[in-house]
Amino acid sequence: MNAQIRALWSHPAVPLTREQRAEHERLCAELRQVERGGAAAADSARMLPAA
């Protein structure tokens, strides 16, 4: 997930598009959920469909 987040934002000075921002927010929320839930949440997150 970290790699996906980093790949969206090529450079801090380059603004994200609306679609990229939505994907970034989705990935960050998913990452927070995994961090809070531990391994069980990580397993579930891996099964989520890619946007």
N, C-alpha and C. Protein backbone atom coordinates (compact mmCIF):
# COMPACT_ATOMS: atom_id res chain seq x y z
N MET A 1 0.82 -1.19 0.00
CA MET A 1 0.00 0.00 0.00
C MET A 1 0.86 1.26 0.00
N ASN A 2 1.93 1.24 0.77
CA ASN A 2 2.82 2.40 0.79
C ASN A 2 3.35 2.70 -0.61
N ALA A 3 3.72 1.68 -1.32
CA ALA A 3 4.24 1.87 -2.68
C ALA A 3 3.17 2.50 -3.59
N GLN A 4 1.94 2.07 -3.43
CA GLN A 4 0.84 2.64 -4.23
C GLN A 4 0.64 4.11 -3.90
N ILE A 5 0.73 4.43 -2.61
CA ILE A 5 0.57 5.82 -2.18
C ILE A 5 1.70 6.67 -2.75
N ARG A 6 2.93 6.18 -2.62
CA ARG A 6 4.08 6.93 -3.14
C ARG A 6 4.00 7.09 -4.66
N ALA A 7 3.53 6.07 -5.36
CA ALA A 7 3.46 6.12 -6.82
C ALA A 7 2.49 7.20 -7.30
N LEU A 8 1.46 7.48 -6.52
CA LEU A 8 0.49 8.51 -6.90
C LEU A 8 1.12 9.89 -6.89
N TRP A 9 2.00 10.12 -5.95
CA TRP A 9 2.55 11.45 -5.73
C TRP A 9 4.00 11.49 -6.17
N SER A 10 4.21 11.80 -7.44
CA SER A 10 5.55 11.75 -8.02
C SER A 10 6.50 12.77 -7.41
N HIS A 11 5.98 13.93 -7.03
CA HIS A 11 6.81 14.98 -6.45
C HIS A 11 5.91 15.89 -5.62
N PRO A 12 6.38 16.32 -4.43
CA PRO A 12 5.53 17.16 -3.56
C PRO A 12 5.05 18.45 -4.22
N ALA A 13 5.80 18.96 -5.19
CA ALA A 13 5.41 20.21 -5.84
C ALA A 13 4.36 20.01 -6.94
N VAL A 14 4.11 18.76 -7.30
CA VAL A 14 3.14 18.45 -8.36
C VAL A 14 1.80 18.13 -7.71
N PRO A 15 0.77 18.95 -7.96
CA PRO A 15 -0.53 18.68 -7.35
C PRO A 15 -1.19 17.43 -7.95
N LEU A 16 -1.96 16.76 -7.11
CA LEU A 16 -2.70 15.59 -7.56
C LEU A 16 -3.97 16.04 -8.28
N THR A 17 -4.40 15.22 -9.22
CA THR A 17 -5.70 15.46 -9.85
C THR A 17 -6.78 15.08 -8.84
N ARG A 18 -8.00 15.43 -9.15
CA ARG A 18 -9.12 15.07 -8.27
C ARG A 18 -9.19 13.56 -8.09
N GLU A 19 -9.01 12.82 -9.17
CA GLU A 19 -9.07 11.35 -9.11
C GLU A 19 -7.91 10.80 -8.28
N GLN A 20 -6.72 11.35 -8.48
CA GLN A 20 -5.56 10.89 -7.72
C GLN A 20 -5.73 11.20 -6.24
N ARG A 21 -6.29 12.36 -5.93
CA ARG A 21 -6.51 12.73 -4.53
C ARG A 21 -7.49 11.77 -3.88
N ALA A 22 -8.55 11.41 -4.59
CA ALA A 22 -9.53 10.46 -4.05
C ALA A 22 -8.88 9.10 -3.81
N GLU A 23 -8.05 8.66 -4.75
CA GLU A 23 -7.36 7.38 -4.59
C GLU A 23 -6.37 7.45 -3.43
N HIS A 24 -5.67 8.57 -3.29
CA HIS A 24 -4.72 8.76 -2.19
C HIS A 24 -5.45 8.68 -0.85
N GLU A 25 -6.59 9.36 -0.75
CA GLU A 25 -7.37 9.34 0.48
C GLU A 25 -7.87 7.93 0.79
N ARG A 26 -8.32 7.20 -0.24
CA ARG A 26 -8.79 5.83 -0.05
C ARG A 26 -7.67 4.94 0.45
N LEU A 27 -6.50 5.05 -0.17
CA LEU A 27 -5.36 4.22 0.23
C LEU A 27 -4.90 4.56 1.65
N CYS A 28 -4.87 5.83 1.99
CA CYS A 28 -4.45 6.23 3.34
C CYS A 28 -5.44 5.72 4.39
N ALA A 29 -6.73 5.79 4.09
CA ALA A 29 -7.74 5.28 5.02
C ALA A 29 -7.59 3.77 5.19
N GLU A 30 -7.34 3.08 4.09
CA GLU A 30 -7.14 1.63 4.14
C GLU A 30 -5.89 1.30 4.96
N LEU A 31 -4.83 2.06 4.77
CA LEU A 31 -3.60 1.84 5.51
C LEU A 31 -3.82 2.06 7.01
N ARG A 32 -4.55 3.12 7.36
CA ARG A 32 -4.85 3.36 8.79
C ARG A 32 -5.64 2.20 9.38
N GLN A 33 -6.59 1.67 8.62
CA GLN A 33 -7.39 0.55 9.09
C GLN A 33 -6.51 -0.67 9.32
N VAL A 34 -5.61 -0.94 8.42
CA VAL A 34 -4.69 -2.07 8.55
C VAL A 34 -3.80 -1.87 9.77
N GLU A 35 -3.27 -0.66 9.95
CA GLU A 35 -2.39 -0.39 11.08
C GLU A 35 -3.11 -0.57 12.41
N ARG A 36 -4.38 -0.19 12.46
CA ARG A 36 -5.15 -0.35 13.70
C ARG A 36 -5.56 -1.80 13.93
N GLY A 37 -5.86 -2.51 12.84
CA GLY A 37 -6.42 -3.84 13.00
C GLY A 37 -5.42 -4.98 13.00
N GLY A 38 -4.18 -4.70 12.66
CA GLY A 38 -3.17 -5.74 12.66
C GLY A 38 -3.30 -6.70 11.50
N ALA A 39 -2.90 -7.92 11.70
CA ALA A 39 -2.80 -8.91 10.63
C ALA A 39 -4.15 -9.26 10.01
N ALA A 40 -5.20 -9.37 10.81
CA ALA A 40 -6.51 -9.74 10.26
C ALA A 40 -6.99 -8.67 9.27
N ALA A 41 -6.81 -7.41 9.61
CA ALA A 41 -7.22 -6.34 8.71
C ALA A 41 -6.33 -6.31 7.47
N ALA A 42 -5.07 -6.63 7.65
CA ALA A 42 -4.15 -6.66 6.51
C ALA A 42 -4.58 -7.73 5.50
N ASP A 43 -4.97 -8.88 6.01
CA ASP A 43 -5.44 -9.95 5.13
C ASP A 43 -6.68 -9.50 4.37
N SER A 44 -7.59 -8.84 5.05
CA SER A 44 -8.81 -8.35 4.41
C SER A 44 -8.49 -7.28 3.38
N ALA A 45 -7.57 -6.39 3.70
CA ALA A 45 -7.22 -5.30 2.79
C ALA A 45 -6.62 -5.84 1.51
N ARG A 46 -5.89 -6.93 1.58
CA ARG A 46 -5.29 -7.51 0.38
C ARG A 46 -6.36 -8.05 -0.56
N MET A 47 -7.53 -8.34 -0.03
CA MET A 47 -8.59 -8.89 -0.86
C MET A 47 -9.46 -7.81 -1.49
N LEU A 48 -9.25 -6.54 -1.12
CA LEU A 48 -10.06 -5.46 -1.69
C LEU A 48 -9.71 -5.29 -3.16
N PRO A 49 -10.71 -5.01 -3.98
CA PRO A 49 -10.44 -4.80 -5.41
C PRO A 49 -9.70 -3.48 -5.61
N ALA A 50 -8.83 -3.46 -6.58
CA ALA A 50 -8.12 -2.22 -6.92
C ALA A 50 -9.07 -1.28 -7.62
N ALA A 51 -8.91 0.00 -7.35
CA ALA A 51 -9.79 0.99 -7.98
C ALA A 51 -9.31 1.33 -9.38
